[in-house]
């Protein structure tokens, strides 16, 4: 890339120089006209400046900050519950149970009378 720039500049200068030299009138002889000399100086200065500029390393500013993505959040996997041993039900064949509810009145200090229910089994 760098050599391509230098060669391009050199070819451009050479082309302009030859075109100016050919366009001079024969009566001028070895001298160039003032306009041609000025144009040749400008083109030569641009070519030399371009060659110098392309040969130096470019100057960079401070490097851009690098942002690192935060680590992914942890993933919690719910495990299946562990098997629990349940003893089989015992079947007891007995007489039929009788169950009923009895009510009674009780005095509760600071509150008053209450009528709680009690389950009775036989």
N, C-alpha and C. Protein backbone atom coordinates (compact mmCIF):
# COMPACT_ATOMS: atom_id res chain seq x y z
N UNK A 1 0.84 -1.19 0.00
CA UNK A 1 0.00 0.00 0.00
C UNK A 1 0.89 1.25 0.00
N UNK A 2 1.92 1.22 0.86
CA UNK A 2 2.80 2.37 0.97
C UNK A 2 3.58 2.58 -0.33
N UNK A 3 4.09 1.49 -0.89
CA UNK A 3 4.84 1.62 -2.14
C UNK A 3 3.93 2.05 -3.28
N UNK A 4 2.69 1.62 -3.24
CA UNK A 4 1.73 2.03 -4.27
C UNK A 4 1.53 3.54 -4.25
N UNK A 5 1.45 4.12 -3.05
CA UNK A 5 1.28 5.57 -2.94
C UNK A 5 2.50 6.31 -3.49
N UNK A 6 3.68 5.82 -3.13
CA UNK A 6 4.91 6.48 -3.58
C UNK A 6 5.02 6.40 -5.10
N UNK A 7 4.75 5.21 -5.65
CA UNK A 7 4.84 5.05 -7.10
C UNK A 7 3.80 5.90 -7.81
N UNK A 8 2.60 5.98 -7.26
CA UNK A 8 1.56 6.80 -7.87
C UNK A 8 1.97 8.27 -7.89
N UNK A 9 2.53 8.74 -6.78
CA UNK A 9 2.99 10.13 -6.72
C UNK A 9 4.12 10.40 -7.70
N UNK A 10 5.05 9.44 -7.80
CA UNK A 10 6.18 9.62 -8.71
C UNK A 10 5.71 9.65 -10.17
N UNK A 11 4.80 8.77 -10.52
CA UNK A 11 4.28 8.75 -11.89
C UNK A 11 3.54 10.04 -12.20
N UNK A 12 2.79 10.54 -11.24
CA UNK A 12 2.05 11.80 -11.45
C UNK A 12 3.01 12.95 -11.69
N UNK A 13 4.05 13.05 -10.86
CA UNK A 13 5.04 14.13 -11.03
C UNK A 13 5.74 14.02 -12.38
N UNK A 14 6.10 12.82 -12.74
CA UNK A 14 6.80 12.61 -14.01
C UNK A 14 5.90 12.98 -15.19
N UNK A 15 4.65 12.63 -15.12
CA UNK A 15 3.71 12.94 -16.19
C UNK A 15 3.52 14.45 -16.33
N UNK A 16 3.33 15.14 -15.22
CA UNK A 16 3.15 16.59 -15.28
C UNK A 16 4.41 17.29 -15.78
N UNK A 17 5.55 16.81 -15.34
CA UNK A 17 6.81 17.44 -15.76
C UNK A 17 7.01 17.30 -17.26
N UNK A 18 6.77 16.12 -17.76
CA UNK A 18 6.96 15.92 -19.22
C UNK A 18 5.93 16.71 -20.02
N UNK A 19 4.71 16.81 -19.48
CA UNK A 19 3.70 17.57 -20.22
C UNK A 19 4.03 19.06 -20.22
N UNK A 20 4.59 19.56 -19.13
CA UNK A 20 4.99 20.97 -19.10
C UNK A 20 6.19 21.22 -20.00
N UNK A 21 7.11 20.27 -20.02
CA UNK A 21 8.30 20.44 -20.86
C UNK A 21 7.94 20.41 -22.34
N UNK A 22 7.00 19.59 -22.72
CA UNK A 22 6.61 19.49 -24.11
C UNK A 22 5.80 20.71 -24.53
N UNK A 23 5.02 21.26 -23.60
CA UNK A 23 4.17 22.38 -23.95
C UNK A 23 4.91 23.71 -24.07
N UNK A 24 6.19 23.75 -23.68
CA UNK A 24 6.96 25.01 -23.77
C UNK A 24 7.23 25.35 -25.24
N UNK A 25 7.23 26.63 -25.51
CA UNK A 25 7.56 27.02 -26.90
C UNK A 25 9.03 26.78 -27.20
N UNK A 26 9.35 26.58 -28.39
CA UNK A 26 10.74 26.28 -28.80
C UNK A 26 11.66 27.46 -28.58
N UNK A 27 11.11 28.68 -28.56
CA UNK A 27 11.95 29.86 -28.39
C UNK A 27 12.46 30.01 -26.96
N UNK A 28 11.81 29.35 -25.98
CA UNK A 28 12.21 29.49 -24.59
C UNK A 28 13.51 28.76 -24.32
N UNK A 29 13.78 27.76 -25.06
CA UNK A 29 15.05 27.06 -24.91
C UNK A 29 15.03 26.13 -23.70
N UNK A 30 16.06 26.29 -22.89
CA UNK A 30 16.18 25.41 -21.74
C UNK A 30 15.38 25.88 -20.54
N UNK A 31 14.90 27.09 -20.59
CA UNK A 31 14.17 27.62 -19.43
C UNK A 31 12.69 27.30 -19.52
N UNK A 32 12.07 27.17 -18.33
CA UNK A 32 10.63 26.98 -18.27
C UNK A 32 9.96 28.32 -18.08
N UNK A 33 8.72 28.40 -18.48
CA UNK A 33 7.97 29.63 -18.24
C UNK A 33 7.71 29.75 -16.74
N UNK A 34 7.47 30.94 -16.23
CA UNK A 34 7.26 31.09 -14.79
C UNK A 34 6.05 30.30 -14.29
N UNK A 35 4.99 30.22 -15.07
CA UNK A 35 3.81 29.45 -14.65
C UNK A 35 4.11 27.96 -14.57
N UNK A 36 4.88 27.46 -15.54
CA UNK A 36 5.23 26.04 -15.56
C UNK A 36 6.15 25.71 -14.40
N UNK A 37 7.08 26.61 -14.09
CA UNK A 37 7.99 26.37 -12.97
C UNK A 37 7.24 26.36 -11.65
N UNK A 38 6.26 27.24 -11.51
CA UNK A 38 5.46 27.27 -10.28
C UNK A 38 4.63 25.99 -10.16
N UNK A 39 4.03 25.56 -11.25
CA UNK A 39 3.23 24.33 -11.23
C UNK A 39 4.10 23.13 -10.91
N UNK A 40 5.30 23.10 -11.49
CA UNK A 40 6.21 21.99 -11.22
C UNK A 40 6.64 21.99 -9.75
N UNK A 41 6.87 23.15 -9.18
CA UNK A 41 7.24 23.24 -7.77
C UNK A 41 6.11 22.77 -6.85
N UNK A 42 4.87 23.17 -7.18
CA UNK A 42 3.72 22.76 -6.37
C UNK A 42 3.53 21.25 -6.44
N UNK A 43 3.59 20.70 -7.64
CA UNK A 43 3.39 19.25 -7.80
C UNK A 43 4.52 18.48 -7.12
N UNK A 44 5.72 18.94 -7.26
CA UNK A 44 6.86 18.27 -6.59
C UNK A 44 6.75 18.34 -5.08
N UNK A 45 6.33 19.50 -4.57
CA UNK A 45 6.16 19.63 -3.12
C UNK A 45 5.08 18.71 -2.59
N UNK A 46 3.97 18.61 -3.32
CA UNK A 46 2.90 17.70 -2.91
C UNK A 46 3.36 16.24 -2.95
N UNK A 47 4.13 15.88 -3.96
CA UNK A 47 4.60 14.50 -4.08
C UNK A 47 5.57 14.17 -2.95
N UNK A 48 6.48 15.08 -2.67
CA UNK A 48 7.45 14.82 -1.59
C UNK A 48 6.74 14.80 -0.24
N UNK A 49 5.80 15.71 -0.04
CA UNK A 49 5.05 15.73 1.23
C UNK A 49 4.23 14.46 1.41
N UNK A 50 3.64 13.98 0.33
CA UNK A 50 2.87 12.73 0.42
C UNK A 50 3.76 11.54 0.74
N UNK A 51 4.94 11.52 0.15
CA UNK A 51 5.87 10.42 0.41
C UNK A 51 6.34 10.44 1.87
N UNK A 52 6.61 11.62 2.39
CA UNK A 52 7.04 11.73 3.79
C UNK A 52 5.91 11.35 4.73
N UNK A 53 4.72 11.81 4.42
CA UNK A 53 3.59 11.51 5.29
C UNK A 53 3.25 10.03 5.30
N UNK A 54 3.39 9.37 4.15
CA UNK A 54 3.05 7.95 4.11
C UNK A 54 4.14 7.07 4.74
N UNK A 55 5.34 7.60 4.90
CA UNK A 55 6.41 6.78 5.48
C UNK A 55 6.38 6.78 7.00
N UNK A 56 5.69 7.71 7.62
CA UNK A 56 5.64 7.76 9.08
C UNK A 56 4.46 6.96 9.61
N UNK A 57 4.66 6.44 10.83
CA UNK A 57 3.56 5.70 11.46
C UNK A 57 2.48 6.69 11.88
N UNK A 58 1.23 6.32 11.74
CA UNK A 58 0.15 7.22 12.17
C UNK A 58 0.12 7.34 13.69
N UNK A 59 -0.27 8.50 14.15
CA UNK A 59 -0.35 8.75 15.58
C UNK A 59 -1.80 8.51 16.01
N UNK A 60 -1.94 7.68 17.02
CA UNK A 60 -3.28 7.37 17.50
C UNK A 60 -3.51 7.99 18.87
N UNK A 61 -4.73 8.25 19.16
CA UNK A 61 -5.09 8.73 20.50
C UNK A 61 -5.11 7.53 21.45
N UNK A 62 -5.48 7.81 22.67
CA UNK A 62 -5.55 6.72 23.65
C UNK A 62 -6.51 5.65 23.14
N UNK A 63 -6.23 4.39 23.44
CA UNK A 63 -7.11 3.33 22.94
C UNK A 63 -8.50 3.45 23.54
N UNK A 64 -9.45 3.05 22.77
CA UNK A 64 -10.84 3.11 23.22
C UNK A 64 -11.03 2.13 24.38
N UNK A 65 -11.85 2.48 25.34
CA UNK A 65 -12.05 1.57 26.46
C UNK A 65 -12.71 0.27 26.00
N UNK A 66 -12.31 -0.79 26.62
CA UNK A 66 -12.84 -2.11 26.28
C UNK A 66 -13.86 -2.48 27.35
N UNK A 67 -15.05 -2.74 26.94
CA UNK A 67 -16.09 -3.14 27.86
C UNK A 67 -16.26 -4.65 27.81
N UNK A 68 -16.15 -5.26 28.95
CA UNK A 68 -16.29 -6.71 29.03
C UNK A 68 -17.69 -6.99 29.56
N UNK A 69 -18.37 -7.88 28.88
CA UNK A 69 -19.73 -8.23 29.31
C UNK A 69 -19.68 -8.89 30.68
N UNK A 70 -20.62 -8.56 31.56
CA UNK A 70 -20.62 -9.20 32.88
C UNK A 70 -20.89 -10.69 32.74
N UNK A 71 -20.40 -11.48 33.67
CA UNK A 71 -20.64 -12.92 33.58
C UNK A 71 -22.13 -13.21 33.67
N UNK A 72 -22.56 -14.27 33.03
CA UNK A 72 -23.99 -14.58 33.08
C UNK A 72 -24.42 -14.93 34.50
N UNK A 73 -25.68 -14.63 34.78
CA UNK A 73 -26.19 -14.92 36.12
C UNK A 73 -26.31 -16.42 36.30
N UNK A 74 -26.12 -16.89 37.53
CA UNK A 74 -26.18 -18.33 37.75
C UNK A 74 -27.59 -18.87 37.50
N UNK A 75 -27.62 -20.07 37.01
CA UNK A 75 -28.89 -20.72 36.73
C UNK A 75 -29.12 -21.79 37.79
N UNK A 76 -30.25 -21.69 38.43
CA UNK A 76 -30.57 -22.66 39.47
C UNK A 76 -31.54 -23.69 38.91
N UNK A 77 -31.15 -24.94 39.01
CA UNK A 77 -31.97 -26.02 38.49
C UNK A 77 -32.65 -26.68 39.67
N UNK A 78 -33.96 -26.78 39.57
CA UNK A 78 -34.71 -27.37 40.66
C UNK A 78 -34.65 -28.89 40.51
N UNK A 79 -34.16 -29.53 41.54
CA UNK A 79 -34.04 -30.99 41.50
C UNK A 79 -35.36 -31.62 41.91
N UNK A 80 -35.54 -32.83 41.45
CA UNK A 80 -36.73 -33.58 41.85
C UNK A 80 -36.60 -33.95 43.33
N UNK A 81 -37.70 -33.94 44.06
CA UNK A 81 -37.59 -34.29 45.48
C UNK A 81 -37.13 -35.73 45.66
N UNK A 82 -36.41 -35.94 46.74
CA UNK A 82 -35.92 -37.28 47.02
C UNK A 82 -37.09 -38.18 47.42
N UNK A 83 -37.03 -39.43 47.05
CA UNK A 83 -38.14 -40.32 47.41
C UNK A 83 -38.20 -40.52 48.93
N UNK A 84 -39.39 -40.54 49.42
CA UNK A 84 -39.61 -40.70 50.86
C UNK A 84 -40.33 -42.03 51.10
N UNK A 85 -39.81 -42.79 52.05
CA UNK A 85 -40.44 -44.07 52.35
C UNK A 85 -41.65 -43.83 53.25
N UNK A 86 -42.77 -44.35 52.83
CA UNK A 86 -43.99 -44.26 53.61
C UNK A 86 -44.42 -45.68 53.92
N UNK A 87 -44.55 -45.93 55.22
CA UNK A 87 -44.97 -47.28 55.63
C UNK A 87 -46.41 -47.51 55.18
N UNK A 88 -46.71 -48.74 54.81
CA UNK A 88 -48.09 -49.01 54.41
C UNK A 88 -49.05 -48.85 55.58
N UNK A 89 -50.27 -48.51 55.28
CA UNK A 89 -51.26 -48.32 56.34
C UNK A 89 -51.59 -49.65 56.98
N UNK A 90 -51.72 -49.58 58.30
CA UNK A 90 -52.15 -50.78 59.00
C UNK A 90 -53.67 -50.79 59.04
N UNK A 91 -54.21 -51.87 58.65
CA UNK A 91 -55.65 -52.01 58.69
C UNK A 91 -55.99 -52.79 59.96
N UNK A 92 -56.68 -52.10 60.86
CA UNK A 92 -57.06 -52.73 62.13
C UNK A 92 -58.56 -52.98 62.07
N UNK A 93 -58.87 -54.22 62.21
CA UNK A 93 -60.28 -54.57 62.19
C UNK A 93 -60.74 -54.67 63.64
N UNK A 94 -61.49 -53.71 64.04
CA UNK A 94 -62.01 -53.69 65.41
C UNK A 94 -63.50 -53.42 65.35
N UNK A 95 -63.99 -53.27 66.49
CA UNK A 95 -65.40 -52.91 66.54
C UNK A 95 -65.57 -51.50 65.99
N UNK A 96 -66.73 -51.22 65.57
CA UNK A 96 -67.03 -49.93 65.01
C UNK A 96 -66.90 -48.85 66.07
N UNK A 97 -66.24 -47.77 65.74
CA UNK A 97 -66.05 -46.69 66.70
C UNK A 97 -67.28 -45.81 66.71
N UNK A 98 -67.57 -45.32 67.89
CA UNK A 98 -68.67 -44.37 68.02
C UNK A 98 -68.04 -43.03 68.40
N UNK A 99 -68.49 -41.99 67.75
CA UNK A 99 -67.91 -40.66 67.98
C UNK A 99 -69.05 -39.66 68.04
N UNK A 100 -69.00 -38.76 69.01
CA UNK A 100 -69.99 -37.69 69.11
C UNK A 100 -69.36 -36.45 69.71
N UNK A 101 -70.10 -35.35 69.68
CA UNK A 101 -69.59 -34.08 70.17
C UNK A 101 -70.42 -33.68 71.37
N UNK A 102 -69.73 -33.27 72.45
CA UNK A 102 -70.39 -32.77 73.65
C UNK A 102 -70.04 -31.30 73.82
N UNK A 103 -71.01 -30.54 74.31
CA UNK A 103 -70.77 -29.13 74.59
C UNK A 103 -70.81 -28.92 76.08
N UNK A 104 -70.00 -27.96 76.51
CA UNK A 104 -70.02 -27.61 77.93
C UNK A 104 -69.78 -26.12 78.04
N UNK A 105 -70.14 -25.59 79.22
CA UNK A 105 -69.91 -24.16 79.44
C UNK A 105 -68.75 -24.01 80.40
N UNK A 106 -67.85 -23.08 80.08
CA UNK A 106 -66.69 -22.83 80.94
C UNK A 106 -66.58 -21.33 81.16
N UNK A 107 -66.15 -20.98 82.35
CA UNK A 107 -65.91 -19.57 82.68
C UNK A 107 -64.45 -19.26 82.40
N UNK A 108 -64.21 -18.23 81.62
CA UNK A 108 -62.86 -17.77 81.31
C UNK A 108 -62.69 -16.44 82.00
N UNK A 109 -61.74 -16.35 82.98
CA UNK A 109 -61.56 -15.09 83.70
C UNK A 109 -61.16 -13.97 82.76
N UNK A 110 -61.80 -12.80 82.90
CA UNK A 110 -61.50 -11.65 82.06
C UNK A 110 -62.21 -11.69 80.72
N UNK A 111 -62.90 -12.77 80.42
CA UNK A 111 -63.57 -12.90 79.13
C UNK A 111 -65.05 -13.18 79.28
N UNK A 112 -65.34 -14.19 80.05
CA UNK A 112 -66.74 -14.54 80.27
C UNK A 112 -66.98 -16.02 80.00
N UNK A 113 -68.24 -16.34 79.79
CA UNK A 113 -68.60 -17.74 79.52
C UNK A 113 -68.31 -18.10 78.06
N UNK A 114 -67.82 -19.35 77.89
CA UNK A 114 -67.59 -19.89 76.55
C UNK A 114 -68.21 -21.27 76.47
N UNK A 115 -68.59 -21.66 75.29
CA UNK A 115 -69.16 -22.99 75.08
C UNK A 115 -68.29 -23.77 74.10
N UNK A 116 -67.21 -24.40 74.56
CA UNK A 116 -66.36 -25.17 73.65
C UNK A 116 -67.00 -26.52 73.32
N UNK A 117 -66.58 -27.10 72.23
CA UNK A 117 -67.04 -28.42 71.79
C UNK A 117 -65.92 -29.42 72.00
N UNK A 118 -66.24 -30.59 72.45
CA UNK A 118 -65.26 -31.67 72.66
C UNK A 118 -65.72 -32.90 71.92
N UNK A 119 -64.80 -33.54 71.18
CA UNK A 119 -65.12 -34.76 70.45
C UNK A 119 -64.90 -35.94 71.41
N UNK A 120 -65.81 -36.82 71.46
CA UNK A 120 -65.72 -37.99 72.33
C UNK A 120 -65.76 -39.23 71.45
N UNK A 121 -64.77 -40.15 71.68
CA UNK A 121 -64.71 -41.41 70.92
C UNK A 121 -64.87 -42.57 71.87
N UNK A 122 -65.48 -43.59 71.40
CA UNK A 122 -65.59 -44.84 72.16
C UNK A 122 -65.40 -46.02 71.29
